Amino acid sequence: MDLGTLSDDVERISQRYAEAVGFARDDAWYLLKLQEEVGELTEAYLAKIGQARAKDRTLDEREAAFRAELADVLCHVLLLARHHDVDLPAEITAKWLRWRR
C-alpha cells in the first residue's frame, strides 16, 4: 500500500460519508476532525493501559479499539494533507528520511 493510493481511497470514502450525512468538509473541519480523532486515540490508549474506564470491553476489544483509532488518525492526517496540497511522501523524506544512514 502506498500513501498516494491510500489517500485517494480515503478521500473518496470521506467525501461519500460527508454527502450521506450532510456536512461540509471545510478548512476547519479537516483540522478539527483530526483533533477529534486524536482525542479518541488518547481515550482508547488510556482504556488499553487501564488508566480509563474499560466500558465493559475486554482487553482484546480495547486493544482493537486502539488500533482502529490509530488508523483513523492516519487517515485524517492524509485528508488534511491532501486538502492543503501537501506532498506527504516528499515532506517525510525531507523531515525524517534524511536521517537514514
PDB file of N, CA and C in Angstrom:
ATOM      1  N   MET A   1       0.857  -1.176   0.000  1.00  0.00           N
ATOM      2  CA  MET A   1       0.000   0.000   0.000  1.00  0.00           C
ATOM      3  C   MET A   1       0.902   1.238   0.000  1.00  0.00           C
ATOM      4  N   ASP A   2       0.639   2.161  -0.904  1.00  0.00           N
ATOM      5  CA  ASP A   2       1.402   3.406  -0.901  1.00  0.00           C
ATOM      6  C   ASP A   2       0.496   4.556  -0.452  1.00  0.00           C
ATOM      7  N   LEU A   3       1.110   5.632   0.011  1.00  0.00           N
ATOM      8  CA  LEU A   3       0.335   6.741   0.564  1.00  0.00           C
ATOM      9  C   LEU A   3      -0.569   7.411  -0.471  1.00  0.00           C
ATOM     10  N   GLY A   4      -0.114   7.488  -1.714  1.00  0.00           N
ATOM     11  CA  GLY A   4      -0.938   8.120  -2.740  1.00  0.00           C
ATOM     12  C   GLY A   4      -2.236   7.376  -2.978  1.00  0.00           C
ATOM     13  N   THR A   5      -2.144   6.074  -3.138  1.00  0.00           N
ATOM     14  CA  THR A   5      -3.342   5.251  -3.343  1.00  0.00           C
ATOM     15  C   THR A   5      -4.230   5.288  -2.109  1.00  0.00           C
ATOM     16  N   LEU A   6      -3.623   5.164  -0.946  1.00  0.00           N
ATOM     17  CA  LEU A   6      -4.394   5.229   0.294  1.00  0.00           C
ATOM     18  C   LEU A   6      -5.107   6.571   0.418  1.00  0.00           C
ATOM     19  N   SER A   7      -4.407   7.651   0.116  1.00  0.00           N
ATOM     20  CA  SER A   7      -5.006   8.987   0.178  1.00  0.00           C
ATOM     21  C   SER A   7      -6.198   9.099  -0.763  1.00  0.00           C
ATOM     22  N   ASP A   8      -6.058   8.579  -1.976  1.00  0.00           N
ATOM     23  CA  ASP A   8      -7.173   8.602  -2.933  1.00  0.00           C
ATOM     24  C   ASP A   8      -8.377   7.843  -2.392  1.00  0.00           C
ATOM     25  N   ASP A   9      -8.142   6.659  -1.858  1.00  0.00           N
ATOM     26  CA  ASP A   9      -9.228   5.832  -1.318  1.00  0.00           C
ATOM     27  C   ASP A   9      -9.906   6.512  -0.133  1.00  0.00           C
ATOM     28  N   VAL A  10      -9.100   7.038   0.761  1.00  0.00           N
ATOM     29  CA  VAL A  10      -9.637   7.694   1.967  1.00  0.00           C
ATOM     30  C   VAL A  10     -10.449   8.926   1.575  1.00  0.00           C
ATOM     31  N   GLU A  11      -9.966   9.672   0.591  1.00  0.00           N
ATOM     32  CA  GLU A  11     -10.702  10.855   0.120  1.00  0.00           C
ATOM     33  C   GLU A  11     -12.078  10.472  -0.409  1.00  0.00           C
ATOM     34  N   ARG A  12     -12.136   9.451  -1.240  1.00  0.00           N
ATOM     35  CA  ARG A  12     -13.430   9.024  -1.787  1.00  0.00           C
ATOM     36  C   ARG A  12     -14.393   8.592  -0.680  1.00  0.00           C
ATOM     37  N   ILE A  13     -13.887   7.844   0.273  1.00  0.00           N
ATOM     38  CA  ILE A  13     -14.730   7.371   1.376  1.00  0.00           C
ATOM     39  C   ILE A  13     -15.215   8.538   2.225  1.00  0.00           C
ATOM     40  N   SER A  14     -14.320   9.462   2.550  1.00  0.00           N
ATOM     41  CA  SER A  14     -14.685  10.617   3.365  1.00  0.00           C
ATOM     42  C   SER A  14     -15.706  11.495   2.650  1.00  0.00           C
ATOM     43  N   GLN A  15     -15.510  11.690   1.356  1.00  0.00           N
ATOM     44  CA  GLN A  15     -16.432  12.505   0.572  1.00  0.00           C
ATOM     45  C   GLN A  15     -17.830  11.871   0.539  1.00  0.00           C
ATOM     46  N   ARG A  16     -17.884  10.563   0.311  1.00  0.00           N
ATOM     47  CA  ARG A  16     -19.181   9.868   0.310  1.00  0.00           C
ATOM     48  C   ARG A  16     -19.865   9.969   1.669  1.00  0.00           C
ATOM     49  N   TYR A  17     -19.082   9.808   2.734  1.00  0.00           N
ATOM     50  CA  TYR A  17     -19.641   9.889   4.086  1.00  0.00           C
ATOM     51  C   TYR A  17     -20.205  11.286   4.347  1.00  0.00           C
ATOM     52  N   ALA A  18     -19.449  12.311   3.975  1.00  0.00           N
ATOM     53  CA  ALA A  18     -19.912  13.684   4.193  1.00  0.00           C
ATOM     54  C   ALA A  18     -21.204  13.948   3.428  1.00  0.00           C
ATOM     55  N   GLU A  19     -21.283  13.461   2.205  1.00  0.00           N
ATOM     56  CA  GLU A  19     -22.508  13.639   1.411  1.00  0.00           C
ATOM     57  C   GLU A  19     -23.680  12.887   2.028  1.00  0.00           C
ATOM     58  N   ALA A  20     -23.441  11.668   2.493  1.00  0.00           N
ATOM     59  CA  ALA A  20     -24.518  10.854   3.071  1.00  0.00           C
ATOM     60  C   ALA A  20     -25.043  11.458   4.366  1.00  0.00           C
ATOM     61  N   VAL A  21     -24.135  11.986   5.173  1.00  0.00           N
ATOM     62  CA  VAL A  21     -24.533  12.536   6.469  1.00  0.00           C
ATOM     63  C   VAL A  21     -24.971  13.991   6.337  1.00  0.00           C
ATOM     64  N   GLY A  22     -24.471  14.672   5.315  1.00  0.00           N
ATOM     65  CA  GLY A  22     -24.914  16.036   5.050  1.00  0.00           C
ATOM     66  C   GLY A  22     -24.115  17.115   5.744  1.00  0.00           C
ATOM     67  N   PHE A  23     -22.798  17.032   5.693  1.00  0.00           N
ATOM     68  CA  PHE A  23     -21.986  18.114   6.248  1.00  0.00           C
ATOM     69  C   PHE A  23     -20.909  18.514   5.251  1.00  0.00           C
ATOM     70  N   ALA A  24     -20.433  19.740   5.419  1.00  0.00           N
ATOM     71  CA  ALA A  24     -19.397  20.263   4.535  1.00  0.00           C
ATOM     72  C   ALA A  24     -18.023  20.050   5.158  1.00  0.00           C
ATOM     73  N   ARG A  25     -17.108  19.599   4.347  1.00  0.00           N
ATOM     74  CA  ARG A  25     -15.729  19.441   4.805  1.00  0.00           C
ATOM     75  C   ARG A  25     -14.981  20.722   4.425  1.00  0.00           C
ATOM     76  N   ASP A  26     -15.094  21.735   5.286  1.00  0.00           N
ATOM     77  CA  ASP A  26     -14.421  22.999   5.021  1.00  0.00           C
ATOM     78  C   ASP A  26     -13.038  23.000   5.668  1.00  0.00           C
ATOM     79  N   ASP A  27     -12.310  24.096   5.511  1.00  0.00           N
ATOM     80  CA  ASP A  27     -10.942  24.162   6.042  1.00  0.00           C
ATOM     81  C   ASP A  27     -10.868  23.767   7.510  1.00  0.00           C
ATOM     82  N   ALA A  28     -11.775  24.288   8.307  1.00  0.00           N
ATOM     83  CA  ALA A  28     -11.754  24.000   9.744  1.00  0.00           C
ATOM     84  C   ALA A  28     -12.051  22.533  10.027  1.00  0.00           C
ATOM     85  N   TRP A  29     -12.950  21.936   9.252  1.00  0.00           N
ATOM     86  CA  TRP A  29     -13.345  20.554   9.510  1.00  0.00           C
ATOM     87  C   TRP A  29     -12.153  19.614   9.490  1.00  0.00           C
ATOM     88  N   TYR A  30     -11.250  19.773   8.525  1.00  0.00           N
ATOM     89  CA  TYR A  30     -10.126  18.848   8.397  1.00  0.00           C
ATOM     90  C   TYR A  30      -9.263  18.829   9.654  1.00  0.00           C
ATOM     91  N   LEU A  31      -8.959  19.992  10.181  1.00  0.00           N
ATOM     92  CA  LEU A  31      -8.132  20.045  11.389  1.00  0.00           C
ATOM     93  C   LEU A  31      -8.920  19.623  12.625  1.00  0.00           C
ATOM     94  N   LEU A  32     -10.146  20.089  12.739  1.00  0.00           N
ATOM     95  CA  LEU A  32     -10.949  19.743  13.916  1.00  0.00           C
ATOM     96  C   LEU A  32     -11.267  18.254  13.966  1.00  0.00           C
ATOM     97  N   LYS A  33     -11.508  17.648  12.815  1.00  0.00           N
ATOM     98  CA  LYS A  33     -11.787  16.210  12.781  1.00  0.00           C
ATOM     99  C   LYS A  33     -10.548  15.420  13.180  1.00  0.00           C
ATOM    100  N   LEU A  34      -9.370  15.866  12.729  1.00  0.00           N
ATOM    101  CA  LEU A  34      -8.133  15.216  13.158  1.00  0.00           C
ATOM    102  C   LEU A  34      -7.982  15.338  14.673  1.00  0.00           C
ATOM    103  N   GLN A  35      -8.254  16.503  15.212  1.00  0.00           N
ATOM    104  CA  GLN A  35      -8.165  16.695  16.668  1.00  0.00           C
ATOM    105  C   GLN A  35      -9.123  15.771  17.400  1.00  0.00           C
ATOM    106  N   GLU A  36     -10.328  15.626  16.877  1.00  0.00           N
ATOM    107  CA  GLU A  36     -11.304  14.710  17.476  1.00  0.00           C
ATOM    108  C   GLU A  36     -10.763  13.280  17.482  1.00  0.00           C
ATOM    109  N   GLU A  37     -10.193  12.868  16.363  1.00  0.00           N
ATOM    110  CA  GLU A  37      -9.659  11.510  16.257  1.00  0.00           C
ATOM    111  C   GLU A  37      -8.468  11.301  17.194  1.00  0.00           C
ATOM    112  N   VAL A  38      -7.629  12.306  17.368  1.00  0.00           N
ATOM    113  CA  VAL A  38      -6.509  12.192  18.321  1.00  0.00           C
ATOM    114  C   VAL A  38      -7.061  12.040  19.738  1.00  0.00           C
ATOM    115  N   GLY A  39      -8.136  12.746  20.040  1.00  0.00           N
ATOM    116  CA  GLY A  39      -8.782  12.585  21.345  1.00  0.00           C
ATOM    117  C   GLY A  39      -9.309  11.175  21.546  1.00  0.00           C
ATOM    118  N   GLU A  40      -9.914  10.611  20.506  1.00  0.00           N
ATOM    119  CA  GLU A  40     -10.414   9.243  20.593  1.00  0.00           C
ATOM    120  C   GLU A  40      -9.270   8.243  20.711  1.00  0.00           C
ATOM    121  N   LEU A  41      -8.160   8.513  20.055  1.00  0.00           N
ATOM    122  CA  LEU A  41      -6.970   7.669  20.197  1.00  0.00           C
ATOM    123  C   LEU A  41      -6.451   7.721  21.633  1.00  0.00           C
ATOM    124  N   THR A  42      -6.420   8.901  22.202  1.00  0.00           N
ATOM    125  CA  THR A  42      -5.981   9.057  23.590  1.00  0.00           C
ATOM    126  C   THR A  42      -6.880   8.274  24.529  1.00  0.00           C
ATOM    127  N   GLU A  43      -8.180   8.394  24.326  1.00  0.00           N
ATOM    128  CA  GLU A  43      -9.139   7.657  25.162  1.00  0.00           C
ATOM    129  C   GLU A  43      -8.935   6.149  25.020  1.00  0.00           C
ATOM    130  N   ALA A  44      -8.754   5.681  23.793  1.00  0.00           N
ATOM    131  CA  ALA A  44      -8.549   4.247  23.559  1.00  0.00           C
ATOM    132  C   ALA A  44      -7.249   3.763  24.191  1.00  0.00           C
ATOM    133  N   TYR A  45      -6.223   4.567  24.093  1.00  0.00           N
ATOM    134  CA  TYR A  45      -4.938   4.199  24.702  1.00  0.00           C
ATOM    135  C   TYR A  45      -5.067   4.112  26.220  1.00  0.00           C
ATOM    136  N   LEU A  46      -5.713   5.098  26.824  1.00  0.00           N
ATOM    137  CA  LEU A  46      -5.881   5.091  28.277  1.00  0.00           C
ATOM    138  C   LEU A  46      -6.698   3.883  28.729  1.00  0.00           C
ATOM    139  N   ALA A  47      -7.718   3.518  27.980  1.00  0.00           N
ATOM    140  CA  ALA A  47      -8.502   2.324  28.318  1.00  0.00           C
ATOM    141  C   ALA A  47      -7.650   1.073  28.165  1.00  0.00           C
ATOM    142  N   LYS A  48      -6.835   1.035  27.128  1.00  0.00           N
ATOM    143  CA  LYS A  48      -5.977  -0.129  26.872  1.00  0.00           C
ATOM    144  C   LYS A  48      -4.986  -0.365  28.004  1.00  0.00           C
ATOM    145  N   ILE A  49      -4.452   0.717  28.562  1.00  0.00           N
ATOM    146  CA  ILE A  49      -3.451   0.563  29.632  1.00  0.00           C
ATOM    147  C   ILE A  49      -4.052   0.598  31.030  1.00  0.00           C
ATOM    148  N   GLY A  50      -5.388   0.656  31.112  1.00  0.00           N
ATOM    149  CA  GLY A  50      -6.047   0.612  32.406  1.00  0.00           C
ATOM    150  C   GLY A  50      -6.120   1.944  33.131  1.00  0.00           C
ATOM    151  N   GLN A  51      -5.948   3.036  32.413  1.00  0.00           N
ATOM    152  CA  GLN A  51      -5.997   4.362  33.029  1.00  0.00           C
ATOM    153  C   GLN A  51      -7.320   5.084  32.756  1.00  0.00           C
ATOM    154  N   ALA A  52      -8.258   4.383  32.128  1.00  0.00           N
ATOM    155  CA  ALA A  52      -9.597   4.924  31.874  1.00  0.00           C
ATOM    156  C   ALA A  52     -10.583   3.772  31.951  1.00  0.00           C
ATOM    157  N   ARG A  53     -11.861   4.095  31.986  1.00  0.00           N
ATOM    158  CA  ARG A  53     -12.901   3.071  32.081  1.00  0.00           C
ATOM    159  C   ARG A  53     -12.825   2.106  30.905  1.00  0.00           C
ATOM    160  N   ALA A  54     -13.006   0.854  31.204  1.00  0.00           N
ATOM    161  CA  ALA A  54     -12.991  -0.180  30.165  1.00  0.00           C
ATOM    162  C   ALA A  54     -14.317  -0.239  29.406  1.00  0.00           C
ATOM    163  N   LYS A  55     -15.374   0.332  29.980  1.00  0.00           N
ATOM    164  CA  LYS A  55     -16.705   0.353  29.358  1.00  0.00           C
ATOM    165  C   LYS A  55     -17.165  -1.058  28.982  1.00  0.00           C
ATOM    166  N   ASP A  56     -16.942  -1.999  29.894  1.00  0.00           N
ATOM    167  CA  ASP A  56     -17.350  -3.403  29.703  1.00  0.00           C
ATOM    168  C   ASP A  56     -16.707  -4.061  28.486  1.00  0.00           C
ATOM    169  N   ARG A  57     -15.554  -3.548  28.052  1.00  0.00           N
ATOM    170  CA  ARG A  57     -14.839  -4.163  26.931  1.00  0.00           C
ATOM    171  C   ARG A  57     -13.679  -4.995  27.459  1.00  0.00           C
ATOM    172  N   THR A  58     -13.433  -6.095  26.803  1.00  0.00           N
ATOM    173  CA  THR A  58     -12.301  -6.944  27.174  1.00  0.00           C
ATOM    174  C   THR A  58     -11.002  -6.258  26.756  1.00  0.00           C
ATOM    175  N   LEU A  59      -9.881  -6.776  27.243  1.00  0.00           N
ATOM    176  CA  LEU A  59      -8.585  -6.234  26.845  1.00  0.00           C
ATOM    177  C   LEU A  59      -8.396  -6.336  25.332  1.00  0.00           C
ATOM    178  N   ASP A  60      -8.791  -7.461  24.746  1.00  0.00           N
ATOM    179  CA  ASP A  60      -8.688  -7.610  23.290  1.00  0.00           C
ATOM    180  C   ASP A  60      -9.515  -6.555  22.563  1.00  0.00           C
ATOM    181  N   GLU A  61     -10.696  -6.269  23.053  1.00  0.00           N
ATOM    182  CA  GLU A  61     -11.545  -5.246  22.439  1.00  0.00           C
ATOM    183  C   GLU A  61     -10.936  -3.856  22.595  1.00  0.00           C
ATOM    184  N   ARG A  62     -10.328  -3.597  23.756  1.00  0.00           N
ATOM    185  CA  ARG A  62      -9.681  -2.290  23.970  1.00  0.00           C
ATOM    186  C   ARG A  62      -8.450  -2.141  23.092  1.00  0.00           C
ATOM    187  N   GLU A  63      -7.701  -3.227  22.905  1.00  0.00           N
ATOM    188  CA  GLU A  63      -6.537  -3.170  22.018  1.00  0.00           C
ATOM    189  C   GLU A  63      -6.973  -2.979  20.571  1.00  0.00           C
ATOM    190  N   ALA A  64      -8.068  -3.619  20.169  1.00  0.00           N
ATOM    191  CA  ALA A  64      -8.599  -3.441  18.820  1.00  0.00           C
ATOM    192  C   ALA A  64      -9.067  -2.002  18.610  1.00  0.00           C
ATOM    193  N   ALA A  65      -9.685  -1.424  19.631  1.00  0.00           N
ATOM    194  CA  ALA A  65     -10.129  -0.030  19.538  1.00  0.00           C
ATOM    195  C   ALA A  65      -8.935   0.908  19.380  1.00  0.00           C
ATOM    196  N   PHE A  66      -7.847   0.637  20.101  1.00  0.00           N
ATOM    197  CA  PHE A  66      -6.629   1.441  19.985  1.00  0.00           C
ATOM    198  C   PHE A  66      -6.083   1.362  18.556  1.00  0.00           C
ATOM    199  N   ARG A  67      -6.015   0.173  18.008  1.00  0.00           N
ATOM    200  CA  ARG A  67      -5.513   0.009  16.635  1.00  0.00           C
ATOM    201  C   ARG A  67      -6.410   0.745  15.632  1.00  0.00           C
ATOM    202  N   ALA A  68      -7.724   0.636  15.829  1.00  0.00           N
ATOM    203  CA  ALA A  68      -8.665   1.298  14.922  1.00  0.00           C
ATOM    204  C   ALA A  68      -8.527   2.816  14.992  1.00  0.00           C
ATOM    205  N   GLU A  69      -8.310   3.345  16.185  1.00  0.00           N
ATOM    206  CA  GLU A  69      -8.140   4.797  16.324  1.00  0.00           C
ATOM    207  C   GLU A  69      -6.833   5.266  15.702  1.00  0.00           C
ATOM    208  N   LEU A  70      -5.782   4.444  15.774  1.00  0.00           N
ATOM    209  CA  LEU A  70      -4.535   4.789  15.073  1.00  0.00           C
ATOM    210  C   LEU A  70      -4.801   4.926  13.576  1.00  0.00           C
ATOM    211  N   ALA A  71      -5.581   4.004  13.029  1.00  0.00           N
ATOM    212  CA  ALA A  71      -5.926   4.057  11.610  1.00  0.00           C
ATOM    213  C   ALA A  71      -6.725   5.325  11.298  1.00  0.00           C
ATOM    214  N   ASP A  72      -7.666   5.674  12.171  1.00  0.00           N
ATOM    215  CA  ASP A  72      -8.448   6.899  11.962  1.00  0.00           C
ATOM    216  C   ASP A  72      -7.547   8.129  11.925  1.00  0.00           C
ATOM    217  N   VAL A  73      -6.604   8.210  12.855  1.00  0.00           N
ATOM    218  CA  VAL A  73      -5.699   9.362  12.899  1.00  0.00           C
ATOM    219  C   VAL A  73      -4.888   9.436  11.608  1.00  0.00           C
ATOM    220  N   LEU A  74      -4.332   8.319  11.184  1.00  0.00           N
ATOM    221  CA  LEU A  74      -3.547   8.319   9.952  1.00  0.00           C
ATOM    222  C   LEU A  74      -4.404   8.775   8.765  1.00  0.00           C
ATOM    223  N   CYS A  75      -5.596   8.255   8.659  1.00  0.00           N
ATOM    224  CA  CYS A  75      -6.455   8.627   7.535  1.00  0.00           C
ATOM    225  C   CYS A  75      -6.818  10.104   7.562  1.00  0.00           C
ATOM    226  N   HIS A  76      -7.036  10.652   8.738  1.00  0.00           N
ATOM    227  CA  HIS A  76      -7.363  12.081   8.819  1.00  0.00           C
ATOM    228  C   HIS A  76      -6.137  12.959   8.590  1.00  0.00           C
ATOM    229  N   VAL A  77      -4.956  12.483   8.904  1.00  0.00           N
ATOM    230  CA  VAL A  77      -3.740  13.203   8.518  1.00  0.00           C
ATOM    231  C   VAL A  77      -3.650  13.242   6.995  1.00  0.00           C
ATOM    232  N   LEU A  78      -3.923  12.116   6.350  1.00  0.00           N
ATOM    233  CA  LEU A  78      -3.902  12.074   4.884  1.00  0.00           C
ATOM    234  C   LEU A  78      -4.926  13.038   4.290  1.00  0.00           C
ATOM    235  N   LEU A  79      -6.117  13.085   4.860  1.00  0.00           N
ATOM    236  CA  LEU A  79      -7.139  14.004   4.363  1.00  0.00           C
ATOM    237  C   LEU A  79      -6.716  15.456   4.529  1.00  0.00           C
ATOM    238  N   LEU A  80      -6.160  15.789   5.679  1.00  0.00           N
ATOM    239  CA  LEU A  80      -5.712  17.158   5.935  1.00  0.00           C
ATOM    240  C   LEU A  80      -4.592  17.547   4.968  1.00  0.00           C
ATOM    241  N   ALA A  81      -3.637  16.661   4.779  1.00  0.00           N
ATOM    242  CA  ALA A  81      -2.528  16.940   3.859  1.00  0.00           C
ATOM    243  C   ALA A  81      -3.053  17.123   2.441  1.00  0.00           C
ATOM    244  N   ARG A  82      -3.936  16.258   2.021  1.00  0.00           N
ATOM    245  CA  ARG A  82      -4.489  16.332   0.669  1.00  0.00           C
ATOM    246  C   ARG A  82      -5.242  17.639   0.474  1.00  0.00           C
ATOM    247  N   HIS A  83      -6.038  18.031   1.458  1.00  0.00           N
ATOM    248  CA  HIS A  83      -6.826  19.262   1.378  1.00  0.00           C
ATOM    249  C   HIS A  83      -5.922  20.484   1.192  1.00  0.00           C
ATOM    250  N   HIS A  84      -4.753  20.436   1.794  1.00  0.00           N
ATOM    251  CA  HIS A  84      -3.810  21.566   1.719  1.00  0.00           C
ATOM    252  C   HIS A  84      -2.700  21.337   0.694  1.00  0.00           C
ATOM    253  N   ASP A  85      -2.889  20.361  -0.186  1.00  0.00           N
ATOM    254  CA  ASP A  85      -1.925  20.068  -1.256  1.00  0.00           C
ATOM    255  C   ASP A  85      -0.509  19.837  -0.732  1.00  0.00           C
ATOM    256  N   VAL A  86      -0.412  19.102   0.352  1.00  0.00           N
ATOM    257  CA  VAL A  86       0.895  18.748   0.919  1.00  0.00           C
ATOM    258  C   VAL A  86       1.289  17.372   0.393  1.00  0.00           C
ATOM    259  N   ASP A  87       2.460  17.284  -0.179  1.00  0.00           N
ATOM    260  CA  ASP A  87       3.011  16.025  -0.670  1.00  0.00           C
ATOM    261  C   ASP A  87       3.683  15.334   0.524  1.00  0.00           C
ATOM    262  N   LEU A  88       2.912  14.503   1.209  1.00  0.00           N
ATOM    263  CA  LEU A  88       3.429  13.866   2.424  1.00  0.00           C
ATOM    264  C   LEU A  88       4.678  13.026   2.186  1.00  0.00           C
ATOM    265  N   PRO A  89       4.733  12.185   1.153  1.00  0.00           N
ATOM    266  CA  PRO A  89       5.974  11.435   0.947  1.00  0.00           C
ATOM    267  C   PRO A  89       7.197  12.350   0.825  1.00  0.00           C
ATOM    268  N   ALA A  90       7.052  13.460   0.109  1.00  0.00           N
ATOM    269  CA  ALA A  90       8.175  14.394  -0.024  1.00  0.00           C
ATOM    270  C   ALA A  90       8.520  15.028   1.319  1.00  0.00           C
ATOM    271  N   GLU A  91       7.510  15.385   2.080  1.00  0.00           N
ATOM    272  CA  GLU A  91       7.757  16.009   3.393  1.00  0.00           C
ATOM    273  C   GLU A  91       8.374  15.011   4.371  1.00  0.00           C
ATOM    274  N   ILE A  92       7.928  13.766   4.309  1.00  0.00           N
ATOM    275  CA  ILE A  92       8.504  12.735   5.185  1.00  0.00           C
ATOM    276  C   ILE A  92       9.962  12.492   4.817  1.00  0.00           C
ATOM    277  N   THR A  93      10.227  12.469   3.533  1.00  0.00           N
ATOM    278  CA  THR A  93      11.616  12.296   3.094  1.00  0.00           C
ATOM    279  C   THR A  93      12.480  13.453   3.582  1.00  0.00           C
ATOM    280  N   ALA A  94      11.989  14.663   3.434  1.00  0.00           N
ATOM    281  CA  ALA A  94      12.765  15.840   3.842  1.00  0.00           C
ATOM    282  C   ALA A  94      12.940  15.931   5.353  1.00  0.00           C
ATOM    283  N   LYS A  95      11.929  15.577   6.080  1.00  0.00           N
ATOM    284  CA  LYS A  95      11.955  15.763   7.543  1.00  0.00           C
ATOM    285  C   LYS A  95      12.541  14.560   8.279  1.00  0.00           C
ATOM    286  N   TRP A  96      12.172  13.350   7.876  1.00  0.00           N
ATOM    287  CA  TRP A  96      12.548  12.143   8.612  1.00  0.00           C
ATOM    288  C   TRP A  96      13.608  11.307   7.914  1.00  0.00           C
ATOM    289  N   LEU A  97      13.372  11.014   6.654  1.00  0.00           N
ATOM    290  CA  LEU A  97      14.221  10.042   5.985  1.00  0.00           C
ATOM    291  C   LEU A  97      15.617  10.578   5.644  1.00  0.00           C
ATOM    292  N   ARG A  98      15.803  11.872   5.755  1.00  0.00           N
ATOM    293  CA  ARG A  98      17.141  12.428   5.525  1.00  0.00           C
ATOM    294  C   ARG A  98      18.124  11.948   6.597  1.00  0.00           C
ATOM    295  N   TRP A  99      17.575  11.444   7.688  1.00  0.00           N
ATOM    296  CA  TRP A  99      18.430  10.965   8.788  1.00  0.00           C
ATOM    297  C   TRP A  99      18.810   9.499   8.627  1.00  0.00           C
ATOM    298  N   ARG A 100      18.315   8.864   7.563  1.00  0.00           N
ATOM    299  CA  ARG A 100      18.717   7.460   7.315  1.00  0.00           C
ATOM    300  C   ARG A 100      20.231   7.392   7.136  1.00  0.00           C
ATOM    301  N   ARG A 101      20.754   6.280   7.531  1.00  0.00           N
ATOM    302  CA  ARG A 101      22.203   6.084   7.356  1.00  0.00           C
ATOM    303  C   ARG A 101      22.465   5.229   6.161  1.00  0.00           C
TER     304      ARG A 101
END
